[in-house]
Amino acid sequence: MQGRIAINITGGVADVKLVRADKMNALDHAMFDALVEAIETLGRNPAVRVVVLSGEGRAFCAGLDMGNFGKMAGKGADSGQDDGKAAVPRKLEPRTHGAANRPQYAVWGWRELPVPVIAAVHGVAFGGGFQLALGADMRYVTPDTRMSVMEIKWGLVPDMAGTQIMRHLAREDVVRELTYTGRIFNGEEALNYGFATRVCADPYAEAMETARLIADRSPDAIRASKRILNRAAIVSPMEGLIDESIEQGVLIGSPNQVEAIMSNLEKRPAKYADPKI
């Protein structure tokens, strides 16, 4: 994927790595394209049951490529001209992927992916890199990982779905303070705020361990659980309760649910069929 992302799928676990290590996996146009391509590719593969998202080298993701900031200050970005020469687009309202534009979908798409995503975060996750980690269902981080809602440093706002995800994870005043200041915080603080799921010495190893555990569960039930949990953030309690009932009704007596029962009763590993997509 343009030398930006590598994917290896083993036993239902998709190991997705940002591989622009020389630039601390910074987000350039090619990286955005690769992220979107990865999401779309994984979403079409019924054999994928869980994703681990990580970065090679010294960092998870350092945020927007420094070259893009220089382009923002250039004539093309300032002029407002739509001549195709502006390196950084100013018209961001058009939707390209459902509710999201292209940069937003590079983050939001991991939320929409039908399987769980675990981000293994180390080094730094600044700005867009922090938002990318937020797109995962879970985030495992090292104690000394440095994170920041860094957009304010560059006179910008977090616009890669960060505002919509942060508000469900941390207190509103914490989100506001970090957004207004761009203050750098570590993995331990991230856990206290609600941005990190687990602090560990080796996030990648622990994320892979969790991923293998998830991959051994019924893929139908895992996908149904993610659908319910995704909708729970936007629907009323009554609608959420109905969602539970609908999903459960589909699962009860289905081949993979029967296999879950029989494998437990017979004390053997389950053999689940890939879901139909």
Protein backbone atom coordinates (compact mmCIF):
# COMPACT_ATOMS: atom_id res chain seq x y z
CA MET A 1 0.00 0.00 0.00
CA GLN A 2 2.33 2.62 -1.42
CA GLY A 3 5.07 1.71 1.03
CA ARG A 4 3.05 3.11 3.91
CA ILE A 5 1.17 0.14 5.40
CA ALA A 6 1.90 -3.57 5.61
CA ILE A 7 -0.80 -6.16 6.38
CA ASN A 8 -0.25 -9.74 7.48
CA ILE A 9 -3.25 -11.96 8.28
CA THR A 10 -2.75 -15.08 10.39
CA GLY A 11 -5.41 -17.07 12.20
CA GLY A 12 -8.02 -14.37 11.68
CA VAL A 13 -5.76 -11.65 13.14
CA ALA A 14 -4.85 -8.83 10.75
CA ASP A 15 -1.51 -7.34 11.79
CA VAL A 16 -1.59 -3.83 10.29
CA LYS A 17 1.60 -1.78 10.54
CA LEU A 18 2.38 1.77 9.54
CA VAL A 19 5.79 1.34 7.91
CA ARG A 20 6.99 4.89 7.27
CA ALA A 21 9.44 4.55 10.15
CA ASP A 22 11.95 7.09 8.81
CA LYS A 23 9.26 9.79 9.21
CA MET A 24 7.84 8.38 12.47
CA ASN A 25 4.85 7.18 10.43
CA ALA A 26 3.72 10.75 9.77
CA LEU A 27 0.54 11.28 7.78
CA ASP A 28 1.16 12.40 4.21
CA HIS A 29 -1.23 12.01 1.29
CA ALA A 30 0.08 8.53 0.54
CA MET A 31 -0.46 7.48 4.17
CA PHE A 32 -4.04 8.74 4.12
CA ASP A 33 -4.65 6.79 0.91
CA ALA A 34 -3.06 3.68 2.42
CA LEU A 35 -5.17 3.90 5.58
CA VAL A 36 -8.38 4.18 3.58
CA GLU A 37 -7.30 1.33 1.30
CA ALA A 38 -6.45 -0.84 4.29
CA ILE A 39 -9.83 -0.24 5.91
CA GLU A 40 -11.69 -1.04 2.70
CA THR A 41 -9.58 -4.14 2.01
CA LEU A 42 -10.01 -5.55 5.51
CA GLY A 43 -13.72 -4.80 5.49
CA ARG A 44 -14.18 -7.00 2.42
CA ASN A 45 -12.31 -9.97 3.88
CA PRO A 46 -14.58 -12.36 5.84
CA ALA A 47 -11.53 -14.20 7.22
CA VAL A 48 -10.50 -11.15 9.27
CA ARG A 49 -11.82 -11.40 12.82
CA VAL A 50 -9.77 -8.74 14.61
CA VAL A 51 -7.18 -6.08 13.73
CA VAL A 52 -4.04 -4.95 15.55
CA LEU A 53 -2.91 -1.50 14.39
CA SER A 54 0.65 -0.41 15.21
CA GLY A 55 3.59 1.62 13.93
CA GLU A 56 7.09 0.52 13.05
CA GLY A 57 10.15 2.24 14.44
CA ARG A 58 10.25 4.86 17.18
CA ALA A 59 6.61 5.94 17.10
CA PHE A 60 3.03 4.95 16.50
CA CYS A 61 2.34 8.08 14.44
CA ALA A 62 3.81 11.58 14.78
CA GLY A 63 0.78 13.23 13.18
CA LEU A 64 0.51 15.27 10.00
CA ASP A 65 3.65 15.33 7.88
CA MET A 66 5.63 18.51 8.47
CA GLY A 67 5.69 19.18 4.75
CA ASN A 68 1.93 19.66 4.78
CA PHE A 69 2.18 22.50 7.29
CA GLY A 70 4.57 24.31 4.99
CA LYS A 71 2.14 23.84 2.13
CA MET A 72 -0.69 25.25 4.25
CA ALA A 73 1.28 28.46 4.65
CA GLY A 74 2.00 28.65 0.94
CA LYS A 75 0.15 30.63 -1.69
CA GLY A 76 -1.95 27.73 -2.90
CA ALA A 77 -3.52 27.10 0.49
CA ASP A 78 -3.91 30.81 1.34
CA SER A 79 -5.43 31.91 -1.94
CA GLY A 80 -8.57 29.83 -1.69
CA GLN A 81 -8.20 29.17 -5.41
CA ASP A 82 -9.54 25.86 -6.60
CA ASP A 83 -7.02 25.49 -9.42
CA GLY A 84 -5.86 22.00 -8.50
CA LYS A 85 -2.46 23.33 -7.43
CA ALA A 86 -3.22 23.86 -3.75
CA ALA A 87 -1.32 21.17 -1.90
CA VAL A 88 -3.74 21.12 1.04
CA PRO A 89 -7.48 21.34 0.27
CA ARG A 90 -9.52 23.98 2.08
CA LYS A 91 -12.93 22.69 1.10
CA LEU A 92 -13.39 19.85 3.56
CA GLU A 93 -17.19 19.78 3.83
CA PRO A 94 -17.85 17.36 0.93
CA ARG A 95 -18.45 13.85 2.24
CA THR A 96 -16.58 11.05 0.49
CA HIS A 97 -17.24 8.10 2.81
CA GLY A 98 -20.71 8.24 4.33
CA ALA A 99 -20.65 10.77 7.15
CA ALA A 100 -16.90 11.39 6.76
CA ASN A 101 -14.52 13.10 4.38
CA ARG A 102 -11.32 11.33 3.32
CA PRO A 103 -9.05 12.36 6.24
CA GLN A 104 -11.82 11.63 8.74
CA TYR A 105 -12.43 8.20 7.25
CA ALA A 106 -8.76 7.30 7.80
CA VAL A 107 -9.75 7.34 11.50
CA TRP A 108 -13.52 6.81 11.54
CA GLY A 109 -13.23 3.88 9.17
CA TRP A 110 -11.65 1.76 11.91
CA ARG A 111 -14.80 2.39 13.96
CA GLU A 112 -16.96 1.33 11.03
CA LEU A 113 -14.87 -1.77 10.33
CA PRO A 114 -17.11 -4.71 11.33
CA VAL A 115 -14.44 -6.32 13.54
CA PRO A 116 -12.64 -5.09 16.68
CA VAL A 117 -9.49 -2.99 16.26
CA ILE A 118 -6.75 -2.75 18.89
CA ALA A 119 -4.17 0.05 18.60
CA ALA A 120 -0.73 -0.77 20.04
CA VAL A 121 0.77 2.65 20.76
CA HIS A 122 4.34 3.57 21.63
CA GLY A 123 6.66 6.52 21.20
CA VAL A 124 4.43 9.40 20.18
CA ALA A 125 0.85 9.79 19.00
CA PHE A 126 0.50 13.48 18.21
CA GLY A 127 -2.36 15.29 16.49
CA GLY A 128 -3.63 13.11 13.67
CA GLY A 129 -1.65 10.21 15.13
CA PHE A 130 -3.54 10.53 18.40
CA GLN A 131 -6.82 10.66 16.52
CA LEU A 132 -5.80 7.56 14.55
CA ALA A 133 -5.32 5.69 17.83
CA LEU A 134 -8.75 6.90 18.96
CA GLY A 135 -10.31 5.22 15.94
CA ALA A 136 -9.53 1.80 17.43
CA ASP A 137 -11.92 -0.01 19.76
CA MET A 138 -9.11 -0.33 22.35
CA ARG A 139 -5.72 1.31 22.90
CA TYR A 140 -2.77 -0.40 24.60
CA VAL A 141 0.02 2.09 25.37
CA THR A 142 3.41 2.20 27.06
CA PRO A 143 3.70 4.26 30.25
CA ASP A 144 6.00 6.75 28.53
CA THR A 145 4.02 7.13 25.31
CA ARG A 146 3.60 10.84 24.59
CA MET A 147 0.24 11.99 23.27
CA SER A 148 -1.25 15.34 22.36
CA VAL A 149 -4.25 16.94 20.74
CA MET A 150 -1.62 18.99 18.97
CA GLU A 151 -3.65 20.71 16.25
CA ILE A 152 -3.89 23.95 18.26
CA LYS A 153 -0.09 24.36 17.96
CA TRP A 154 -0.56 24.81 14.24
CA GLY A 155 -3.65 27.01 14.50
CA LEU A 156 -6.00 24.15 13.67
CA VAL A 157 -8.73 22.03 15.28
CA PRO A 158 -8.82 18.21 15.55
CA ASP A 159 -10.82 17.33 12.44
CA MET A 160 -10.16 13.62 11.88
CA ALA A 161 -13.15 12.50 13.97
CA GLY A 162 -11.23 13.27 17.17
CA THR A 163 -13.86 15.55 18.70
CA GLN A 164 -16.57 12.96 18.15
CA ILE A 165 -14.61 10.10 19.71
CA MET A 166 -12.93 11.97 22.58
CA ARG A 167 -16.27 13.08 24.00
CA HIS A 168 -17.26 9.46 24.60
CA LEU A 169 -13.99 8.54 26.32
CA ALA A 170 -13.06 11.40 28.63
CA ARG A 171 -14.75 14.11 30.70
CA GLU A 172 -15.73 17.17 28.71
CA ASP A 173 -13.47 19.50 30.67
CA VAL A 174 -10.48 17.22 30.08
CA VAL A 175 -11.19 17.13 26.34
CA ARG A 176 -11.48 20.90 26.28
CA GLU A 177 -8.28 21.50 28.25
CA LEU A 178 -6.23 19.19 26.03
CA THR A 179 -7.77 20.60 22.85
CA TYR A 180 -7.25 24.23 23.87
CA THR A 181 -3.66 23.78 25.09
CA GLY A 182 -2.15 20.98 23.00
CA ARG A 183 -0.44 19.82 26.19
CA ILE A 184 1.57 16.60 25.90
CA PHE A 185 0.53 13.82 28.28
CA ASN A 186 1.86 10.31 28.87
CA GLY A 187 0.38 6.83 28.81
CA GLU A 188 -0.44 6.76 32.51
CA GLU A 189 -2.35 10.03 32.18
CA ALA A 190 -4.10 8.70 29.09
CA LEU A 191 -5.33 5.73 31.14
CA ASN A 192 -6.65 8.05 33.84
CA TYR A 193 -8.39 10.25 31.28
CA GLY A 194 -10.02 7.29 29.54
CA PHE A 195 -8.05 7.44 26.29
CA ALA A 196 -6.01 4.29 27.01
CA THR A 197 -7.46 0.86 27.69
CA ARG A 198 -4.32 -0.65 29.17
CA VAL A 199 -0.80 0.53 30.05
CA CYS A 200 1.84 -2.12 29.43
CA ALA A 201 5.53 -2.52 28.70
CA ASP A 202 4.89 -4.18 25.34
CA PRO A 203 1.60 -2.95 23.85
CA TYR A 204 2.06 -4.87 20.61
CA ALA A 205 2.59 -8.23 22.34
CA GLU A 206 -0.40 -7.72 24.63
CA ALA A 207 -2.58 -6.47 21.78
CA MET A 208 -1.75 -9.58 19.78
CA GLU A 209 -2.58 -11.77 22.78
CA THR A 210 -5.98 -10.12 23.13
CA ALA A 211 -6.50 -10.32 19.38
CA ARG A 212 -5.89 -14.06 19.35
CA LEU A 213 -8.41 -14.46 22.18
CA ILE A 214 -11.02 -12.50 20.20
CA ALA A 215 -10.23 -14.45 17.03
CA ASP A 216 -11.14 -17.67 18.89
CA ARG A 217 -14.66 -16.39 19.61
CA SER A 218 -17.67 -16.66 17.31
CA PRO A 219 -17.11 -14.08 14.54
CA ASP A 220 -20.86 -13.60 14.19
CA ALA A 221 -21.23 -12.67 17.86
CA ILE A 222 -18.16 -10.40 17.76
CA ARG A 223 -19.46 -8.50 14.73
CA ALA A 224 -22.93 -8.23 16.27
CA SER A 225 -21.40 -6.91 19.49
CA LYS A 226 -19.50 -4.21 17.62
CA ARG A 227 -22.65 -3.15 15.76
CA ILE A 228 -24.55 -2.83 19.04
CA LEU A 229 -21.76 -0.93 20.78
CA ASN A 230 -21.26 1.42 17.83
CA ARG A 231 -24.94 2.30 17.74
CA ALA A 232 -25.17 2.61 21.52
CA ALA A 233 -23.21 5.87 21.27
CA ILE A 234 -25.84 7.50 19.07
CA VAL A 235 -29.23 5.97 19.90
CA SER A 236 -31.63 6.16 22.83
CA PRO A 237 -31.68 3.42 25.50
CA MET A 238 -34.93 2.08 24.03
CA GLU A 239 -33.38 1.78 20.58
CA GLY A 240 -30.28 0.19 22.09
CA LEU A 241 -32.35 -2.43 23.89
CA ILE A 242 -34.14 -3.24 20.65
CA ASP A 243 -30.77 -3.57 18.91
CA GLU A 244 -29.70 -6.15 21.50
CA SER A 245 -32.87 -8.15 20.93
CA ILE A 246 -32.60 -8.07 17.14
CA GLU A 247 -28.96 -9.14 17.08
CA GLN A 248 -29.54 -11.88 19.66
CA GLY A 249 -32.50 -13.23 17.72
CA VAL A 250 -30.33 -13.63 14.63
CA LEU A 251 -27.56 -15.37 16.57
CA ILE A 252 -29.63 -17.89 18.53
CA GLY A 253 -29.54 -21.27 16.80
CA SER A 254 -27.23 -20.06 14.01
CA PRO A 255 -24.41 -22.44 12.96
CA ASN A 256 -21.66 -20.53 14.74
CA GLN A 257 -23.73 -20.15 17.89
CA VAL A 258 -24.42 -23.89 17.91
CA GLU A 259 -20.69 -24.48 17.42
CA ALA A 260 -19.95 -22.23 20.41
CA ILE A 261 -22.24 -24.36 22.57
CA MET A 262 -21.00 -27.72 21.31
CA SER A 263 -17.30 -26.85 21.53
CA ASN A 264 -17.74 -25.81 25.15
CA LEU A 265 -19.78 -28.89 26.05
CA GLU A 266 -17.31 -31.17 24.28
CA LYS A 267 -14.30 -29.29 25.69
CA ARG A 268 -12.62 -28.79 22.32
CA PRO A 269 -11.48 -25.82 20.24
CA ALA A 270 -14.29 -24.25 18.26
CA LYS A 271 -14.29 -24.38 14.47
CA TYR A 272 -16.18 -21.30 13.34
CA ALA A 273 -17.17 -20.56 9.77
CA ASP A 274 -16.29 -17.18 8.32
CA PRO A 275 -19.29 -14.84 8.32
CA LYS A 276 -21.07 -14.04 5.07
CA ILE A 277 -20.50 -10.45 4.01
